Amino acid sequence: MVDDYEFDSVQFQPYLPGVFGGLTALLMDVHEADTQSTILNGLSAVIAYAGKQVSEEVRSVLQS
């Protein structure tokens, strides 16, 4: 769980591209505001807990 008290961003690093890519792809596919809000909350948690390690993933989404 990303918002776990003992979250370790180093251990999460291998999963970051898949999680971030999957959430952003899902965000583009849904149309309900509640669903979009839930996905954005998940992305926000990933960004907050992964810190600088997520910068490459964010950059790739912004470029596409």
N, C-alpha and C. Protein backbone atom coordinates (compact mmCIF):
# COMPACT_ATOMS: atom_id res chain seq x y z
N MET A 1 0.85 -1.17 0.00
CA MET A 1 0.00 0.00 0.00
C MET A 1 0.90 1.24 0.00
N VAL A 2 0.61 2.18 -0.85
CA VAL A 2 1.47 3.34 -1.00
C VAL A 2 1.45 4.24 0.22
N ASP A 3 0.32 4.40 0.86
CA ASP A 3 0.27 5.31 2.00
C ASP A 3 0.51 4.60 3.33
N ASP A 4 1.16 3.47 3.29
CA ASP A 4 1.54 2.73 4.47
C ASP A 4 2.55 3.53 5.29
N TYR A 5 2.49 3.42 6.60
CA TYR A 5 3.37 4.15 7.50
C TYR A 5 4.84 3.86 7.23
N GLU A 6 5.16 2.62 6.92
CA GLU A 6 6.55 2.23 6.70
C GLU A 6 6.87 2.07 5.22
N PHE A 7 6.25 2.85 4.36
CA PHE A 7 6.48 2.78 2.93
C PHE A 7 7.96 3.05 2.62
N ASP A 8 8.55 2.20 1.79
CA ASP A 8 9.96 2.34 1.41
C ASP A 8 10.03 2.60 -0.09
N SER A 9 10.34 3.85 -0.45
CA SER A 9 10.34 4.22 -1.87
C SER A 9 11.41 3.47 -2.66
N VAL A 10 12.49 3.07 -2.02
CA VAL A 10 13.54 2.33 -2.71
C VAL A 10 13.02 0.95 -3.12
N GLN A 11 12.31 0.28 -2.24
CA GLN A 11 11.75 -1.03 -2.56
C GLN A 11 10.63 -0.92 -3.59
N PHE A 12 9.97 0.22 -3.63
CA PHE A 12 8.87 0.43 -4.57
C PHE A 12 9.35 0.80 -5.96
N GLN A 13 10.59 1.23 -6.09
CA GLN A 13 11.16 1.73 -7.34
C GLN A 13 10.90 0.82 -8.55
N PRO A 14 11.09 -0.49 -8.46
CA PRO A 14 10.86 -1.33 -9.64
C PRO A 14 9.41 -1.32 -10.13
N TYR A 15 8.48 -1.02 -9.25
CA TYR A 15 7.06 -1.04 -9.59
C TYR A 15 6.54 0.33 -10.03
N LEU A 16 7.33 1.36 -9.83
CA LEU A 16 6.89 2.73 -10.08
C LEU A 16 6.45 2.97 -11.52
N PRO A 17 7.20 2.56 -12.53
CA PRO A 17 6.74 2.82 -13.91
C PRO A 17 5.39 2.17 -14.22
N GLY A 18 5.22 0.95 -13.78
CA GLY A 18 3.96 0.25 -14.05
C GLY A 18 2.78 0.87 -13.32
N VAL A 19 2.98 1.21 -12.06
CA VAL A 19 1.91 1.82 -11.27
C VAL A 19 1.55 3.19 -11.83
N PHE A 20 2.56 4.00 -12.06
CA PHE A 20 2.31 5.36 -12.55
C PHE A 20 1.70 5.32 -13.95
N GLY A 21 2.26 4.49 -14.82
CA GLY A 21 1.73 4.37 -16.17
C GLY A 21 0.32 3.82 -16.19
N GLY A 22 0.06 2.84 -15.36
CA GLY A 22 -1.27 2.26 -15.30
C GLY A 22 -2.32 3.24 -14.79
N LEU A 23 -1.97 3.98 -13.75
CA LEU A 23 -2.91 4.96 -13.22
C LEU A 23 -3.17 6.10 -14.21
N THR A 24 -2.14 6.56 -14.88
CA THR A 24 -2.35 7.65 -15.85
C THR A 24 -3.15 7.15 -17.05
N ALA A 25 -2.91 5.94 -17.50
CA ALA A 25 -3.69 5.37 -18.61
C ALA A 25 -5.15 5.20 -18.20
N LEU A 26 -5.36 4.72 -17.00
CA LEU A 26 -6.71 4.54 -16.49
C LEU A 26 -7.42 5.89 -16.37
N LEU A 27 -6.71 6.90 -15.94
CA LEU A 27 -7.28 8.23 -15.82
C LEU A 27 -7.78 8.75 -17.16
N MET A 28 -7.05 8.45 -18.21
CA MET A 28 -7.45 8.90 -19.55
C MET A 28 -8.66 8.13 -20.09
N ASP A 29 -8.91 6.95 -19.55
CA ASP A 29 -10.01 6.11 -20.05
C ASP A 29 -11.33 6.31 -19.33
N VAL A 30 -11.31 6.84 -18.12
CA VAL A 30 -12.55 6.96 -17.36
C VAL A 30 -13.20 8.32 -17.59
N HIS A 31 -14.50 8.38 -17.37
CA HIS A 31 -15.24 9.61 -17.63
C HIS A 31 -16.00 10.12 -16.40
N GLU A 32 -16.19 9.28 -15.42
CA GLU A 32 -16.90 9.68 -14.21
C GLU A 32 -15.99 10.51 -13.31
N ALA A 33 -16.51 11.62 -12.82
CA ALA A 33 -15.72 12.52 -11.98
C ALA A 33 -15.25 11.85 -10.69
N ASP A 34 -16.10 11.03 -10.08
CA ASP A 34 -15.71 10.34 -8.85
C ASP A 34 -14.55 9.39 -9.09
N THR A 35 -14.60 8.68 -10.20
CA THR A 35 -13.53 7.74 -10.54
C THR A 35 -12.24 8.49 -10.84
N GLN A 36 -12.34 9.58 -11.58
CA GLN A 36 -11.15 10.40 -11.87
C GLN A 36 -10.54 10.94 -10.58
N SER A 37 -11.37 11.37 -9.66
CA SER A 37 -10.90 11.89 -8.38
C SER A 37 -10.16 10.81 -7.58
N THR A 38 -10.70 9.61 -7.59
CA THR A 38 -10.06 8.50 -6.87
C THR A 38 -8.70 8.17 -7.48
N ILE A 39 -8.64 8.15 -8.79
CA ILE A 39 -7.37 7.86 -9.47
C ILE A 39 -6.36 8.97 -9.19
N LEU A 40 -6.81 10.22 -9.24
CA LEU A 40 -5.91 11.35 -8.94
C LEU A 40 -5.40 11.30 -7.51
N ASN A 41 -6.23 10.86 -6.58
CA ASN A 41 -5.78 10.69 -5.20
C ASN A 41 -4.70 9.62 -5.11
N GLY A 42 -4.87 8.55 -5.86
CA GLY A 42 -3.84 7.50 -5.90
C GLY A 42 -2.54 8.01 -6.50
N LEU A 43 -2.64 8.75 -7.60
CA LEU A 43 -1.44 9.33 -8.22
C LEU A 43 -0.76 10.30 -7.26
N SER A 44 -1.55 11.07 -6.56
CA SER A 44 -1.00 12.02 -5.60
C SER A 44 -0.22 11.30 -4.50
N ALA A 45 -0.77 10.20 -4.02
CA ALA A 45 -0.07 9.42 -2.98
C ALA A 45 1.23 8.84 -3.52
N VAL A 46 1.19 8.32 -4.75
CA VAL A 46 2.41 7.77 -5.35
C VAL A 46 3.48 8.86 -5.47
N ILE A 47 3.09 10.02 -5.95
CA ILE A 47 4.04 11.13 -6.12
C ILE A 47 4.58 11.57 -4.77
N ALA A 48 3.72 11.70 -3.77
CA ALA A 48 4.15 12.15 -2.45
C ALA A 48 5.12 11.17 -1.80
N TYR A 49 4.84 9.89 -1.90
CA TYR A 49 5.67 8.90 -1.22
C TYR A 49 6.90 8.49 -2.01
N ALA A 50 6.84 8.54 -3.32
CA ALA A 50 7.99 8.15 -4.12
C ALA A 50 9.01 9.27 -4.24
N GLY A 51 8.58 10.49 -4.03
CA GLY A 51 9.49 11.63 -4.04
C GLY A 51 10.18 11.83 -5.37
N LYS A 52 11.47 12.07 -5.32
CA LYS A 52 12.25 12.38 -6.53
C LYS A 52 12.28 11.22 -7.51
N GLN A 53 12.05 10.02 -7.04
CA GLN A 53 12.11 8.85 -7.92
C GLN A 53 11.00 8.87 -8.96
N VAL A 54 9.96 9.63 -8.72
CA VAL A 54 8.83 9.67 -9.66
C VAL A 54 9.03 10.73 -10.75
N SER A 55 10.06 11.54 -10.64
CA SER A 55 10.23 12.66 -11.58
C SER A 55 10.34 12.20 -13.03
N GLU A 56 11.01 11.10 -13.29
CA GLU A 56 11.13 10.60 -14.67
C GLU A 56 9.77 10.16 -15.20
N GLU A 57 8.96 9.56 -14.36
CA GLU A 57 7.63 9.12 -14.78
C GLU A 57 6.75 10.32 -15.08
N VAL A 58 6.81 11.32 -14.25
CA VAL A 58 6.02 12.55 -14.48
C VAL A 58 6.46 13.22 -15.77
N ARG A 59 7.74 13.28 -15.98
CA ARG A 59 8.28 13.90 -17.20
C ARG A 59 7.76 13.19 -18.44
N SER A 60 7.74 11.88 -18.43
CA SER A 60 7.29 11.14 -19.61
C SER A 60 5.80 11.36 -19.86
N VAL A 61 5.00 11.49 -18.81
CA VAL A 61 3.57 11.74 -18.99
C VAL A 61 3.35 13.15 -19.54
N LEU A 62 4.09 14.11 -19.03
CA LEU A 62 3.93 15.49 -19.49
C LEU A 62 4.35 15.67 -20.95
N GLN A 63 5.28 14.85 -21.41
CA GLN A 63 5.76 14.95 -22.78
C GLN A 63 4.82 14.29 -23.78
N SER A 64 3.97 13.39 -23.29
CA SER A 64 3.08 12.67 -24.22
C SER A 64 1.80 13.39 -24.48
